[in-house]
């Protein structure tokens, strides 16, 4: 929930590109969804792949 509040705040700030807030929202909220999806992975390889994608999204969000 904090990521959505931050993005909402950034979106309203003058001088902050709307694209920045949108990208932060996209990468920040997808992490949980991907991790949740990995819980029903069809194999260990699929699980690791999904977790890897979530980690990449987390790194992008942190950047």
PDB file of N, CA and C in Angstrom:
ATOM      1  N   UNK A   1       0.811  -1.192   0.000  1.00  0.00           N
ATOM      2  CA  UNK A   1       0.000   0.000   0.000  1.00  0.00           C
ATOM      3  C   UNK A   1       0.862   1.266   0.000  1.00  0.00           C
ATOM      4  N   UNK A   2       2.036   1.188   0.592  1.00  0.00           N
ATOM      5  CA  UNK A   2       2.874   2.384   0.643  1.00  0.00           C
ATOM      6  C   UNK A   2       3.300   2.820  -0.746  1.00  0.00           C
ATOM      7  N   UNK A   3       3.523   1.851  -1.640  1.00  0.00           N
ATOM      8  CA  UNK A   3       3.963   2.211  -2.987  1.00  0.00           C
ATOM      9  C   UNK A   3       2.852   2.963  -3.721  1.00  0.00           C
ATOM     10  N   UNK A   4       1.608   2.587  -3.507  1.00  0.00           N
ATOM     11  CA  UNK A   4       0.508   3.285  -4.180  1.00  0.00           C
ATOM     12  C   UNK A   4       0.354   4.703  -3.640  1.00  0.00           C
ATOM     13  N   UNK A   5       0.541   4.872  -2.333  1.00  0.00           N
ATOM     14  CA  UNK A   5       0.463   6.212  -1.749  1.00  0.00           C
ATOM     15  C   UNK A   5       1.601   7.095  -2.254  1.00  0.00           C
ATOM     16  N   UNK A   6       2.800   6.525  -2.337  1.00  0.00           N
ATOM     17  CA  UNK A   6       3.944   7.281  -2.846  1.00  0.00           C
ATOM     18  C   UNK A   6       3.714   7.697  -4.298  1.00  0.00           C
ATOM     19  N   UNK A   7       3.233   6.791  -5.109  1.00  0.00           N
ATOM     20  CA  UNK A   7       2.993   7.106  -6.523  1.00  0.00           C
ATOM     21  C   UNK A   7       1.912   8.174  -6.671  1.00  0.00           C
ATOM     22  N   UNK A   8       0.885   8.090  -5.855  1.00  0.00           N
ATOM     23  CA  UNK A   8      -0.165   9.099  -5.882  1.00  0.00           C
ATOM     24  C   UNK A   8       0.397  10.465  -5.509  1.00  0.00           C
ATOM     25  N   UNK A   9       1.225  10.494  -4.486  1.00  0.00           N
ATOM     26  CA  UNK A   9       1.864  11.742  -4.054  1.00  0.00           C
ATOM     27  C   UNK A   9       2.755  12.296  -5.166  1.00  0.00           C
ATOM     28  N   UNK A  10       3.605  11.447  -5.745  1.00  0.00           N
ATOM     29  CA  UNK A  10       4.510  11.891  -6.808  1.00  0.00           C
ATOM     30  C   UNK A  10       3.750  12.410  -8.023  1.00  0.00           C
ATOM     31  N   UNK A  11       2.652  11.759  -8.323  1.00  0.00           N
ATOM     32  CA  UNK A  11       1.853  12.138  -9.490  1.00  0.00           C
ATOM     33  C   UNK A  11       1.306  13.560  -9.359  1.00  0.00           C
ATOM     34  N   UNK A  12       1.110  14.008  -8.134  1.00  0.00           N
ATOM     35  CA  UNK A  12       0.534  15.341  -7.888  1.00  0.00           C
ATOM     36  C   UNK A  12       1.587  16.441  -7.750  1.00  0.00           C
ATOM     37  N   UNK A  13       2.860  16.051  -7.696  1.00  0.00           N
ATOM     38  CA  UNK A  13       3.921  17.034  -7.499  1.00  0.00           C
ATOM     39  C   UNK A  13       4.307  17.703  -8.815  1.00  0.00           C
ATOM     40  N   UNK A  14       4.390  19.015  -8.804  1.00  0.00           N
ATOM     41  CA  UNK A  14       4.825  19.702 -10.018  1.00  0.00           C
ATOM     42  C   UNK A  14       6.298  19.373 -10.300  1.00  0.00           C
ATOM     43  N   UNK A  15       6.597  19.175 -11.541  1.00  0.00           N
ATOM     44  CA  UNK A  15       7.968  18.890 -11.933  1.00  0.00           C
ATOM     45  C   UNK A  15       8.326  17.415 -11.912  1.00  0.00           C
ATOM     46  N   UNK A  16       7.458  16.577 -11.372  1.00  0.00           N
ATOM     47  CA  UNK A  16       7.698  15.135 -11.393  1.00  0.00           C
ATOM     48  C   UNK A  16       7.023  14.553 -12.626  1.00  0.00           C
ATOM     49  N   UNK A  17       7.793  13.948 -13.504  1.00  0.00           N
ATOM     50  CA  UNK A  17       7.182  13.387 -14.706  1.00  0.00           C
ATOM     51  C   UNK A  17       6.142  12.321 -14.374  1.00  0.00           C
ATOM     52  N   UNK A  18       5.012  12.395 -15.005  1.00  0.00           N
ATOM     53  CA  UNK A  18       3.939  11.415 -14.781  1.00  0.00           C
ATOM     54  C   UNK A  18       4.423  10.017 -15.134  1.00  0.00           C
ATOM     55  N   UNK A  19       5.292   9.935 -16.125  1.00  0.00           N
ATOM     56  CA  UNK A  19       5.817   8.638 -16.533  1.00  0.00           C
ATOM     57  C   UNK A  19       6.605   7.985 -15.400  1.00  0.00           C
ATOM     58  N   UNK A  20       7.323   8.779 -14.628  1.00  0.00           N
ATOM     59  CA  UNK A  20       8.095   8.256 -13.506  1.00  0.00           C
ATOM     60  C   UNK A  20       7.173   7.619 -12.466  1.00  0.00           C
ATOM     61  N   UNK A  21       6.124   8.317 -12.100  1.00  0.00           N
ATOM     62  CA  UNK A  21       5.170   7.782 -11.115  1.00  0.00           C
ATOM     63  C   UNK A  21       4.487   6.528 -11.657  1.00  0.00           C
ATOM     64  N   UNK A  22       4.162   6.529 -12.933  1.00  0.00           N
ATOM     65  CA  UNK A  22       3.497   5.370 -13.543  1.00  0.00           C
ATOM     66  C   UNK A  22       4.420   4.154 -13.568  1.00  0.00           C
ATOM     67  N   UNK A  23       5.683   4.364 -13.906  1.00  0.00           N
ATOM     68  CA  UNK A  23       6.638   3.255 -13.952  1.00  0.00           C
ATOM     69  C   UNK A  23       6.897   2.700 -12.560  1.00  0.00           C
ATOM     70  N   UNK A  24       7.020   3.584 -11.581  1.00  0.00           N
ATOM     71  CA  UNK A  24       7.217   3.151 -10.204  1.00  0.00           C
ATOM     72  C   UNK A  24       6.013   2.340  -9.725  1.00  0.00           C
ATOM     73  N   UNK A  25       4.828   2.789 -10.061  1.00  0.00           N
ATOM     74  CA  UNK A  25       3.610   2.072  -9.690  1.00  0.00           C
ATOM     75  C   UNK A  25       3.590   0.685 -10.327  1.00  0.00           C
ATOM     76  N   UNK A  26       3.926   0.638 -11.609  1.00  0.00           N
ATOM     77  CA  UNK A  26       3.903  -0.627 -12.341  1.00  0.00           C
ATOM     78  C   UNK A  26       4.878  -1.643 -11.764  1.00  0.00           C
ATOM     79  N   UNK A  27       6.122  -1.236 -11.603  1.00  0.00           N
ATOM     80  CA  UNK A  27       7.121  -2.187 -11.098  1.00  0.00           C
ATOM     81  C   UNK A  27       6.893  -2.504  -9.622  1.00  0.00           C
ATOM     82  N   UNK A  28       6.481  -1.512  -8.851  1.00  0.00           N
ATOM     83  CA  UNK A  28       6.290  -1.711  -7.418  1.00  0.00           C
ATOM     84  C   UNK A  28       5.131  -2.608  -7.057  1.00  0.00           C
ATOM     85  N   UNK A  29       4.077  -2.544  -7.833  1.00  0.00           N
ATOM     86  CA  UNK A  29       2.905  -3.363  -7.513  1.00  0.00           C
ATOM     87  C   UNK A  29       2.962  -4.747  -8.151  1.00  0.00           C
ATOM     88  N   UNK A  30       3.791  -4.927  -9.153  1.00  0.00           N
ATOM     89  CA  UNK A  30       3.857  -6.237  -9.808  1.00  0.00           C
ATOM     90  C   UNK A  30       4.635  -7.259  -8.982  1.00  0.00           C
ATOM     91  N   UNK A  31       5.482  -6.798  -8.071  1.00  0.00           N
ATOM     92  CA  UNK A  31       6.321  -7.712  -7.286  1.00  0.00           C
ATOM     93  C   UNK A  31       5.454  -8.729  -6.531  1.00  0.00           C
ATOM     94  N   UNK A  32       4.504  -8.232  -5.783  1.00  0.00           N
ATOM     95  CA  UNK A  32       3.640  -9.116  -4.997  1.00  0.00           C
ATOM     96  C   UNK A  32       2.828 -10.059  -5.862  1.00  0.00           C
ATOM     97  N   UNK A  33       2.346  -9.557  -6.984  1.00  0.00           N
ATOM     98  CA  UNK A  33       1.547 -10.396  -7.879  1.00  0.00           C
ATOM     99  C   UNK A  33       2.389 -11.535  -8.453  1.00  0.00           C
ATOM    100  N   UNK A  34       3.614 -11.239  -8.820  1.00  0.00           N
ATOM    101  CA  UNK A  34       4.488 -12.270  -9.389  1.00  0.00           C
ATOM    102  C   UNK A  34       4.860 -13.294  -8.326  1.00  0.00           C
ATOM    103  N   UNK A  35       5.149 -12.837  -7.114  1.00  0.00           N
ATOM    104  CA  UNK A  35       5.469 -13.770  -6.030  1.00  0.00           C
ATOM    105  C   UNK A  35       4.274 -14.665  -5.730  1.00  0.00           C
ATOM    106  N   UNK A  36       3.090 -14.088  -5.694  1.00  0.00           N
ATOM    107  CA  UNK A  36       1.877 -14.875  -5.461  1.00  0.00           C
ATOM    108  C   UNK A  36       1.697 -15.916  -6.566  1.00  0.00           C
ATOM    109  N   UNK A  37       1.937 -15.508  -7.803  1.00  0.00           N
ATOM    110  CA  UNK A  37       1.826 -16.430  -8.937  1.00  0.00           C
ATOM    111  C   UNK A  37       2.849 -17.558  -8.832  1.00  0.00           C
ATOM    112  N   UNK A  38       4.027 -17.252  -8.331  1.00  0.00           N
ATOM    113  CA  UNK A  38       5.072 -18.283  -8.227  1.00  0.00           C
ATOM    114  C   UNK A  38       4.679 -19.387  -7.250  1.00  0.00           C
ATOM    115  N   UNK A  39       3.789 -19.098  -6.316  1.00  0.00           N
ATOM    116  CA  UNK A  39       3.362 -20.105  -5.349  1.00  0.00           C
ATOM    117  C   UNK A  39       2.623 -21.263  -6.006  1.00  0.00           C
ATOM    118  N   UNK A  40       2.091 -21.039  -7.195  1.00  0.00           N
ATOM    119  CA  UNK A  40       1.411 -22.127  -7.910  1.00  0.00           C
ATOM    120  C   UNK A  40       2.184 -22.501  -9.176  1.00  0.00           C
ATOM    121  N   UNK A  41       3.496 -22.398  -9.099  1.00  0.00           N
ATOM    122  CA  UNK A  41       4.345 -22.753 -10.237  1.00  0.00           C
ATOM    123  C   UNK A  41       4.191 -24.235 -10.564  1.00  0.00           C
ATOM    124  N   UNK A  42       4.390 -24.551 -11.823  1.00  0.00           N
ATOM    125  CA  UNK A  42       4.209 -25.931 -12.276  1.00  0.00           C
ATOM    126  C   UNK A  42       5.441 -26.802 -12.028  1.00  0.00           C
ATOM    127  N   UNK A  43       6.575 -26.176 -11.761  1.00  0.00           N
ATOM    128  CA  UNK A  43       7.801 -26.926 -11.511  1.00  0.00           C
ATOM    129  C   UNK A  43       8.759 -26.042 -10.714  1.00  0.00           C
ATOM    130  N   UNK A  44       9.833 -26.643 -10.236  1.00  0.00           N
ATOM    131  CA  UNK A  44      10.847 -25.863  -9.528  1.00  0.00           C
ATOM    132  C   UNK A  44      11.462 -24.830 -10.457  1.00  0.00           C
ATOM    133  N   UNK A  45      11.672 -25.211 -11.687  1.00  0.00           N
ATOM    134  CA  UNK A  45      12.256 -24.291 -12.673  1.00  0.00           C
ATOM    135  C   UNK A  45      11.329 -23.094 -12.905  1.00  0.00           C
ATOM    136  N   UNK A  46      10.040 -23.356 -13.008  1.00  0.00           N
ATOM    137  CA  UNK A  46       9.053 -22.294 -13.190  1.00  0.00           C
ATOM    138  C   UNK A  46       9.024 -21.378 -11.965  1.00  0.00           C
ATOM    139  N   UNK A  47       9.089 -21.964 -10.771  1.00  0.00           N
ATOM    140  CA  UNK A  47       9.108 -21.202  -9.530  1.00  0.00           C
ATOM    141  C   UNK A  47      10.317 -20.264  -9.489  1.00  0.00           C
ATOM    142  N   UNK A  48      11.484 -20.795  -9.800  1.00  0.00           N
ATOM    143  CA  UNK A  48      12.704 -19.998  -9.785  1.00  0.00           C
ATOM    144  C   UNK A  48      12.630 -18.880 -10.814  1.00  0.00           C
ATOM    145  N   UNK A  49      12.080 -19.176 -11.963  1.00  0.00           N
ATOM    146  CA  UNK A  49      11.943 -18.163 -13.014  1.00  0.00           C
ATOM    147  C   UNK A  49      11.055 -17.010 -12.554  1.00  0.00           C
ATOM    148  N   UNK A  50       9.922 -17.339 -11.967  1.00  0.00           N
ATOM    149  CA  UNK A  50       9.002 -16.304 -11.494  1.00  0.00           C
ATOM    150  C   UNK A  50       9.616 -15.483 -10.362  1.00  0.00           C
ATOM    151  N   UNK A  51      10.298 -16.148  -9.442  1.00  0.00           N
ATOM    152  CA  UNK A  51      10.954 -15.443  -8.348  1.00  0.00           C
ATOM    153  C   UNK A  51      12.041 -14.514  -8.886  1.00  0.00           C
ATOM    154  N   UNK A  52      12.740 -14.956  -9.915  1.00  0.00           N
ATOM    155  CA  UNK A  52      13.778 -14.137 -10.540  1.00  0.00           C
ATOM    156  C   UNK A  52      13.180 -12.873 -11.157  1.00  0.00           C
ATOM    157  N   UNK A  53      12.040 -13.025 -11.783  1.00  0.00           N
ATOM    158  CA  UNK A  53      11.356 -11.869 -12.371  1.00  0.00           C
ATOM    159  C   UNK A  53      10.938 -10.893 -11.273  1.00  0.00           C
ATOM    160  N   UNK A  54      10.428 -11.417 -10.169  1.00  0.00           N
ATOM    161  CA  UNK A  54      10.024 -10.560  -9.047  1.00  0.00           C
ATOM    162  C   UNK A  54      11.232  -9.801  -8.496  1.00  0.00           C
ATOM    163  N   UNK A  55      12.371 -10.464  -8.415  1.00  0.00           N
ATOM    164  CA  UNK A  55      13.582  -9.809  -7.934  1.00  0.00           C
ATOM    165  C   UNK A  55      13.995  -8.676  -8.875  1.00  0.00           C
ATOM    166  N   UNK A  56      13.888  -8.909 -10.171  1.00  0.00           N
ATOM    167  CA  UNK A  56      14.214  -7.866 -11.150  1.00  0.00           C
ATOM    168  C   UNK A  56      13.286  -6.662 -10.993  1.00  0.00           C
ATOM    169  N   UNK A  57      12.009  -6.920 -10.758  1.00  0.00           N
ATOM    170  CA  UNK A  57      11.049  -5.837 -10.551  1.00  0.00           C
ATOM    171  C   UNK A  57      11.391  -5.055  -9.271  1.00  0.00           C
ATOM    172  N   UNK A  58      11.798  -5.778  -8.234  1.00  0.00           N
ATOM    173  CA  UNK A  58      12.175  -5.124  -6.974  1.00  0.00           C
ATOM    174  C   UNK A  58      13.401  -4.234  -7.171  1.00  0.00           C
ATOM    175  N   UNK A  59      14.358  -4.728  -7.929  1.00  0.00           N
ATOM    176  CA  UNK A  59      15.553  -3.911  -8.206  1.00  0.00           C
ATOM    177  C   UNK A  59      15.199  -2.683  -9.017  1.00  0.00           C
ATOM    178  N   UNK A  60      14.299  -2.846  -9.990  1.00  0.00           N
ATOM    179  CA  UNK A  60      13.865  -1.707 -10.795  1.00  0.00           C
ATOM    180  C   UNK A  60      13.144  -0.688  -9.929  1.00  0.00           C
ATOM    181  N   UNK A  61      12.311  -1.144  -9.031  1.00  0.00           N
ATOM    182  CA  UNK A  61      11.578  -0.255  -8.130  1.00  0.00           C
ATOM    183  C   UNK A  61      12.540   0.495  -7.217  1.00  0.00           C
ATOM    184  N   UNK A  62      13.515  -0.212  -6.695  1.00  0.00           N
ATOM    185  CA  UNK A  62      14.504   0.430  -5.813  1.00  0.00           C
ATOM    186  C   UNK A  62      15.304   1.481  -6.560  1.00  0.00           C
ATOM    187  N   UNK A  63      15.648   1.209  -7.818  1.00  0.00           N
ATOM    188  CA  UNK A  63      16.410   2.178  -8.617  1.00  0.00           C
ATOM    189  C   UNK A  63      15.632   3.458  -8.797  1.00  0.00           C
TER     190      UNK A  63
END
